[in-house]
Amino acid sequence: MKIIREIGITILIAVAVFVLLRLTVQSYTVVMSSMEPNFQQGECIMVNKVTYRSSGPQRGQVIIFNPPFESEYPFIKRVIGLPGETVEIKDGKVFVNNISLDEEYIMAPPSYTMSAKEIPENEYFVLGDNRNNSNDSHTGWTVPRDNIIGKAWFIYWPPSKWGVVKHYSYPELLGTEGQEMMLSQSPGVQFE
């Protein structure tokens, strides 16, 4: 009888741990090249699903989300514009509230232009790090807060890329947006 009780308790603990993990983290596999050079197709990433329950995404963070249109896969992109800000792309640079971003982490400068666009309330402007090969907000859509799955946290496959995902800050915007942005290391996922 004691063995049956111990087996039952072990099973209950295992189920509780499994449920807790599924509610807080999730694994994703990168399926497209839109975030190169920072994420490659086939990489597996852990996503923190609870980070944004108390606060919204910050500029420079890599997020996983369901796009605001039909898609087989979630997308992975970098947050560039926050609600209420104005984003414009011209002369190979991204401007937020008329300030040019320093983006040393991208594959190449954007070869396209986008007229100034104000980001709606509770929505985010996102871009792929592979600016010229990415279906992202420069094509006319933004990400509703409710569509965000979580923050890219940790790359666990392949072993050679194992580590925390880098999120970037934009010192040129400090003081203009009322929030501090710091370079952080936090795991992330890459998708479309």
C-alpha atoms as a PDB file:
ATOM      1  CA  MET A   1       0.000   0.000   0.000  1.00  0.00           C
ATOM      2  CA  LYS A   2       2.864   2.342   0.845  1.00  0.00           C
ATOM      3  CA  ILE A   3       4.466   1.761  -2.588  1.00  0.00           C
ATOM      4  CA  ILE A   4       1.219   2.608  -4.398  1.00  0.00           C
ATOM      5  CA  ARG A   5       0.902   5.831  -2.382  1.00  0.00           C
ATOM      6  CA  GLU A   6       4.514   6.819  -3.176  1.00  0.00           C
ATOM      7  CA  ILE A   7       4.019   6.102  -6.871  1.00  0.00           C
ATOM      8  CA  GLY A   8       0.835   8.189  -6.832  1.00  0.00           C
ATOM      9  CA  ILE A   9       2.587  11.104  -5.131  1.00  0.00           C
ATOM     10  CA  THR A  10       5.478  10.895  -7.617  1.00  0.00           C
ATOM     11  CA  ILE A  11       3.035  10.962 -10.542  1.00  0.00           C
ATOM     12  CA  LEU A  12       1.178  13.958  -9.075  1.00  0.00           C
ATOM     13  CA  ILE A  13       4.439  15.866  -8.586  1.00  0.00           C
ATOM     14  CA  ALA A  14       5.529  15.076 -12.151  1.00  0.00           C
ATOM     15  CA  VAL A  15       2.177  16.282 -13.533  1.00  0.00           C
ATOM     16  CA  ALA A  16       2.356  19.477 -11.447  1.00  0.00           C
ATOM     17  CA  VAL A  17       5.909  20.227 -12.663  1.00  0.00           C
ATOM     18  CA  PHE A  18       4.891  19.552 -16.279  1.00  0.00           C
ATOM     19  CA  VAL A  19       1.871  21.878 -16.055  1.00  0.00           C
ATOM     20  CA  LEU A  20       3.922  24.612 -14.365  1.00  0.00           C
ATOM     21  CA  LEU A  21       6.598  24.416 -17.058  1.00  0.00           C
ATOM     22  CA  ARG A  22       4.030  24.530 -19.893  1.00  0.00           C
ATOM     23  CA  LEU A  23       2.505  27.676 -18.370  1.00  0.00           C
ATOM     24  CA  THR A  24       5.825  29.492 -17.991  1.00  0.00           C
ATOM     25  CA  VAL A  25       8.181  28.377 -20.779  1.00  0.00           C
ATOM     26  CA  GLN A  26       7.805  26.904 -24.223  1.00  0.00           C
ATOM     27  CA  SER A  27      10.160  25.624 -26.883  1.00  0.00           C
ATOM     28  CA  TYR A  28      10.154  26.866 -30.481  1.00  0.00           C
ATOM     29  CA  THR A  29      12.169  26.073 -33.574  1.00  0.00           C
ATOM     30  CA  VAL A  30      13.263  28.796 -35.979  1.00  0.00           C
ATOM     31  CA  VAL A  31      11.753  28.078 -39.392  1.00  0.00           C
ATOM     32  CA  MET A  32      12.772  31.090 -41.505  1.00  0.00           C
ATOM     33  CA  SER A  33      15.800  33.341 -42.057  1.00  0.00           C
ATOM     34  CA  SER A  34      14.243  36.684 -41.092  1.00  0.00           C
ATOM     35  CA  MET A  35      16.358  37.054 -37.937  1.00  0.00           C
ATOM     36  CA  GLU A  36      19.779  36.260 -39.392  1.00  0.00           C
ATOM     37  CA  PRO A  37      22.556  36.773 -38.450  1.00  0.00           C
ATOM     38  CA  ASN A  38      21.416  36.373 -34.825  1.00  0.00           C
ATOM     39  CA  PHE A  39      19.151  33.336 -35.284  1.00  0.00           C
ATOM     40  CA  GLN A  40      19.435  30.590 -37.910  1.00  0.00           C
ATOM     41  CA  GLN A  41      16.882  28.165 -39.335  1.00  0.00           C
ATOM     42  CA  GLY A  42      16.654  25.028 -37.202  1.00  0.00           C
ATOM     43  CA  GLU A  43      17.761  26.618 -33.942  1.00  0.00           C
ATOM     44  CA  CYS A  44      15.636  25.693 -30.941  1.00  0.00           C
ATOM     45  CA  ILE A  45      14.773  28.383 -28.423  1.00  0.00           C
ATOM     46  CA  MET A  46      13.083  28.532 -25.038  1.00  0.00           C
ATOM     47  CA  VAL A  47      10.544  31.319 -24.611  1.00  0.00           C
ATOM     48  CA  ASN A  48       9.615  32.937 -21.303  1.00  0.00           C
ATOM     49  CA  LYS A  49       5.804  33.163 -21.391  1.00  0.00           C
ATOM     50  CA  VAL A  50       5.315  35.057 -18.094  1.00  0.00           C
ATOM     51  CA  THR A  51       7.660  38.028 -18.586  1.00  0.00           C
ATOM     52  CA  TYR A  52       5.018  40.279 -20.129  1.00  0.00           C
ATOM     53  CA  ARG A  53       2.212  39.584 -17.671  1.00  0.00           C
ATOM     54  CA  SER A  54       3.295  42.505 -15.487  1.00  0.00           C
ATOM     55  CA  SER A  55       4.895  44.790 -18.084  1.00  0.00           C
ATOM     56  CA  GLY A  56       5.019  45.178 -21.839  1.00  0.00           C
ATOM     57  CA  PRO A  57       7.876  44.362 -24.197  1.00  0.00           C
ATOM     58  CA  GLN A  58      10.713  46.856 -24.384  1.00  0.00           C
ATOM     59  CA  ARG A  59      12.485  48.091 -27.493  1.00  0.00           C
ATOM     60  CA  GLY A  60      15.304  45.784 -28.552  1.00  0.00           C
ATOM     61  CA  GLN A  61      13.779  42.646 -27.067  1.00  0.00           C
ATOM     62  CA  VAL A  62      13.182  39.606 -29.259  1.00  0.00           C
ATOM     63  CA  ILE A  63       9.609  38.343 -29.012  1.00  0.00           C
ATOM     64  CA  ILE A  64       7.625  35.389 -30.312  1.00  0.00           C
ATOM     65  CA  PHE A  65       4.069  36.143 -31.378  1.00  0.00           C
ATOM     66  CA  ASN A  66       1.183  35.093 -33.544  1.00  0.00           C
ATOM     67  CA  PRO A  67       1.049  37.504 -36.499  1.00  0.00           C
ATOM     68  CA  PRO A  68      -2.173  39.487 -37.038  1.00  0.00           C
ATOM     69  CA  PHE A  69      -2.996  37.351 -40.089  1.00  0.00           C
ATOM     70  CA  GLU A  70      -3.216  33.644 -40.916  1.00  0.00           C
ATOM     71  CA  SER A  71       0.140  31.887 -40.478  1.00  0.00           C
ATOM     72  CA  GLU A  72       1.212  28.292 -39.998  1.00  0.00           C
ATOM     73  CA  TYR A  73       3.936  29.342 -37.528  1.00  0.00           C
ATOM     74  CA  PRO A  74       4.446  31.983 -34.847  1.00  0.00           C
ATOM     75  CA  PHE A  75       6.891  34.740 -35.798  1.00  0.00           C
ATOM     76  CA  ILE A  76      10.062  35.878 -34.085  1.00  0.00           C
ATOM     77  CA  LYS A  77      11.074  39.539 -34.434  1.00  0.00           C
ATOM     78  CA  ARG A  78      12.729  42.388 -32.553  1.00  0.00           C
ATOM     79  CA  VAL A  79      10.598  45.121 -30.938  1.00  0.00           C
ATOM     80  CA  ILE A  80      11.471  48.479 -32.507  1.00  0.00           C
ATOM     81  CA  GLY A  81       8.490  50.777 -31.858  1.00  0.00           C
ATOM     82  CA  LEU A  82       6.338  51.013 -28.738  1.00  0.00           C
ATOM     83  CA  PRO A  83       2.685  52.116 -28.533  1.00  0.00           C
ATOM     84  CA  GLY A  84       2.258  55.817 -29.347  1.00  0.00           C
ATOM     85  CA  GLU A  85       5.677  56.213 -30.984  1.00  0.00           C
ATOM     86  CA  THR A  86       6.310  57.122 -34.613  1.00  0.00           C
ATOM     87  CA  VAL A  87       8.528  54.882 -36.746  1.00  0.00           C
ATOM     88  CA  GLU A  88       9.965  55.759 -40.164  1.00  0.00           C
ATOM     89  CA  ILE A  89      12.471  53.986 -42.425  1.00  0.00           C
ATOM     90  CA  LYS A  90      14.526  56.007 -44.914  1.00  0.00           C
ATOM     91  CA  ASP A  91      18.082  56.335 -46.198  1.00  0.00           C
ATOM     92  CA  GLY A  92      18.925  52.833 -44.909  1.00  0.00           C
ATOM     93  CA  LYS A  93      18.050  53.732 -41.305  1.00  0.00           C
ATOM     94  CA  VAL A  94      15.201  53.185 -38.868  1.00  0.00           C
ATOM     95  CA  PHE A  95      13.953  56.288 -37.047  1.00  0.00           C
ATOM     96  CA  VAL A  96      11.890  56.272 -33.857  1.00  0.00           C
ATOM     97  CA  ASN A  97      10.362  59.655 -33.016  1.00  0.00           C
ATOM     98  CA  ASN A  98      12.772  61.212 -35.572  1.00  0.00           C
ATOM     99  CA  ILE A  99      15.863  59.701 -33.913  1.00  0.00           C
ATOM    100  CA  SER A 100      18.001  57.298 -35.957  1.00  0.00           C
ATOM    101  CA  LEU A 101      18.720  53.929 -34.324  1.00  0.00           C
ATOM    102  CA  ASP A 102      22.244  52.510 -34.177  1.00  0.00           C
ATOM    103  CA  GLU A 103      21.705  48.876 -35.210  1.00  0.00           C
ATOM    104  CA  GLU A 104      25.028  47.037 -35.328  1.00  0.00           C
ATOM    105  CA  TYR A 105      23.305  43.662 -34.911  1.00  0.00           C
ATOM    106  CA  ILE A 106      21.398  43.599 -38.239  1.00  0.00           C
ATOM    107  CA  MET A 107      22.344  41.655 -41.394  1.00  0.00           C
ATOM    108  CA  ALA A 108      22.315  44.793 -43.601  1.00  0.00           C
ATOM    109  CA  PRO A 109      20.633  48.219 -43.594  1.00  0.00           C
ATOM    110  CA  PRO A 110      17.098  48.267 -44.994  1.00  0.00           C
ATOM    111  CA  SER A 111      17.006  48.848 -48.760  1.00  0.00           C
ATOM    112  CA  TYR A 112      13.399  50.061 -48.609  1.00  0.00           C
ATOM    113  CA  THR A 113      11.586  53.099 -47.265  1.00  0.00           C
ATOM    114  CA  MET A 114       8.517  53.382 -45.080  1.00  0.00           C
ATOM    115  CA  SER A 115       6.752  56.650 -44.386  1.00  0.00           C
ATOM    116  CA  ALA A 116       6.250  57.723 -40.783  1.00  0.00           C
ATOM    117  CA  LYS A 117       3.702  55.578 -38.977  1.00  0.00           C
ATOM    118  CA  GLU A 118       2.308  56.097 -35.475  1.00  0.00           C
ATOM    119  CA  ILE A 119       2.024  52.846 -33.525  1.00  0.00           C
ATOM    120  CA  PRO A 120      -1.506  52.251 -32.175  1.00  0.00           C
ATOM    121  CA  GLU A 121      -2.200  51.809 -28.463  1.00  0.00           C
ATOM    122  CA  ASN A 122      -1.420  48.283 -27.187  1.00  0.00           C
ATOM    123  CA  GLU A 123       0.464  47.390 -30.380  1.00  0.00           C
ATOM    124  CA  TYR A 124       4.162  47.027 -31.227  1.00  0.00           C
ATOM    125  CA  PHE A 125       6.238  47.684 -34.330  1.00  0.00           C
ATOM    126  CA  VAL A 126       8.608  44.773 -35.003  1.00  0.00           C
ATOM    127  CA  LEU A 127      11.369  44.133 -37.538  1.00  0.00           C
ATOM    128  CA  GLY A 128      13.471  41.104 -38.432  1.00  0.00           C
ATOM    129  CA  ASP A 129      17.234  41.474 -37.999  1.00  0.00           C
ATOM    130  CA  ASN A 130      17.539  40.384 -41.641  1.00  0.00           C
ATOM    131  CA  ARG A 131      15.877  43.660 -42.657  1.00  0.00           C
ATOM    132  CA  ASN A 132      15.707  42.950 -46.397  1.00  0.00           C
ATOM    133  CA  ASN A 133      14.323  39.415 -46.058  1.00  0.00           C
ATOM    134  CA  SER A 134      11.634  39.700 -43.406  1.00  0.00           C
ATOM    135  CA  ASN A 135       7.841  39.845 -43.350  1.00  0.00           C
ATOM    136  CA  ASP A 136       7.480  42.383 -40.557  1.00  0.00           C
ATOM    137  CA  SER A 137       5.846  45.679 -39.570  1.00  0.00           C
ATOM    138  CA  HIS A 138       7.424  47.614 -42.446  1.00  0.00           C
ATOM    139  CA  THR A 139       4.841  45.865 -44.689  1.00  0.00           C
ATOM    140  CA  GLY A 140       1.957  47.581 -42.901  1.00  0.00           C
ATOM    141  CA  TRP A 141       1.001  45.605 -39.809  1.00  0.00           C
ATOM    142  CA  THR A 142       1.799  45.839 -36.090  1.00  0.00           C
ATOM    143  CA  VAL A 143       1.576  43.250 -33.302  1.00  0.00           C
ATOM    144  CA  PRO A 144      -1.317  43.483 -30.837  1.00  0.00           C
ATOM    145  CA  ARG A 145      -0.194  42.918 -27.235  1.00  0.00           C
ATOM    146  CA  ASP A 146      -2.603  39.964 -26.932  1.00  0.00           C
ATOM    147  CA  ASN A 147      -0.780  38.173 -29.794  1.00  0.00           C
ATOM    148  CA  ILE A 148       2.558  38.088 -27.967  1.00  0.00           C
ATOM    149  CA  ILE A 149       3.485  34.612 -26.726  1.00  0.00           C
ATOM    150  CA  GLY A 150       6.645  35.591 -24.862  1.00  0.00           C
ATOM    151  CA  LYS A 151      10.213  36.816 -24.773  1.00  0.00           C
ATOM    152  CA  ALA A 152      13.007  34.863 -26.435  1.00  0.00           C
ATOM    153  CA  TRP A 153      15.100  33.560 -23.576  1.00  0.00           C
ATOM    154  CA  PHE A 154      17.550  30.768 -24.309  1.00  0.00           C
ATOM    155  CA  ILE A 155      18.975  28.981 -27.382  1.00  0.00           C
ATOM    156  CA  TYR A 156      19.438  25.305 -26.563  1.00  0.00           C
ATOM    157  CA  TRP A 157      20.023  23.765 -29.999  1.00  0.00           C
ATOM    158  CA  PRO A 158      22.439  23.332 -31.649  1.00  0.00           C
ATOM    159  CA  PRO A 159      24.869  22.938 -28.733  1.00  0.00           C
ATOM    160  CA  SER A 160      27.362  25.285 -30.418  1.00  0.00           C
ATOM    161  CA  LYS A 161      24.829  28.154 -30.097  1.00  0.00           C
ATOM    162  CA  TRP A 162      23.791  27.277 -26.535  1.00  0.00           C
ATOM    163  CA  GLY A 163      23.254  30.424 -24.458  1.00  0.00           C
ATOM    164  CA  VAL A 164      21.086  33.329 -23.447  1.00  0.00           C
ATOM    165  CA  VAL A 165      19.505  35.430 -26.210  1.00  0.00           C
ATOM    166  CA  LYS A 166      20.924  38.943 -26.586  1.00  0.00           C
ATOM    167  CA  HIS A 167      18.458  41.801 -26.380  1.00  0.00           C
ATOM    168  CA  TYR A 168      19.682  45.271 -27.346  1.00  0.00           C
ATOM    169  CA  SER A 169      19.250  48.779 -26.032  1.00  0.00           C
ATOM    170  CA  TYR A 170      19.299  52.051 -27.903  1.00  0.00           C
ATOM    171  CA  PRO A 171      21.203  54.646 -25.850  1.00  0.00           C
ATOM    172  CA  GLU A 172      20.378  57.301 -28.435  1.00  0.00           C
ATOM    173  CA  LEU A 173      16.753  57.113 -27.248  1.00  0.00           C
ATOM    174  CA  LEU A 174      17.433  57.240 -23.499  1.00  0.00           C
ATOM    175  CA  GLY A 175      15.763  60.237 -21.998  1.00  0.00           C
ATOM    176  CA  THR A 176      13.379  60.583 -24.924  1.00  0.00           C
ATOM    177  CA  GLU A 177      11.039  57.788 -23.959  1.00  0.00           C
ATOM    178  CA  GLY A 178      10.976  57.815 -20.171  1.00  0.00           C
ATOM    179  CA  GLN A 179      12.342  54.294 -19.807  1.00  0.00           C
ATOM    180  CA  GLU A 180      15.790  52.877 -19.374  1.00  0.00           C
ATOM    181  CA  MET A 181      16.951  50.287 -21.843  1.00  0.00           C
ATOM    182  CA  MET A 182      19.907  48.152 -20.961  1.00  0.00           C
ATOM    183  CA  LEU A 183      21.819  45.561 -22.906  1.00  0.00           C
ATOM    184  CA  SER A 184      20.655  42.296 -21.502  1.00  0.00           C
ATOM    185  CA  GLN A 185      21.265  38.682 -22.129  1.00  0.00           C
ATOM    186  CA  SER A 186      18.066  36.736 -22.206  1.00  0.00           C
ATOM    187  CA  PRO A 187      17.043  33.631 -24.096  1.00  0.00           C
ATOM    188  CA  GLY A 188      14.924  33.875 -27.158  1.00  0.00           C
ATOM    189  CA  VAL A 189      13.231  32.154 -29.996  1.00  0.00           C
ATOM    190  CA  GLN A 190      13.379  32.783 -33.660  1.00  0.00           C
ATOM    191  CA  PHE A 191      10.648  32.059 -36.084  1.00  0.00           C
ATOM    192  CA  GLU A 192       9.506  33.554 -39.362  1.00  0.00           C
END
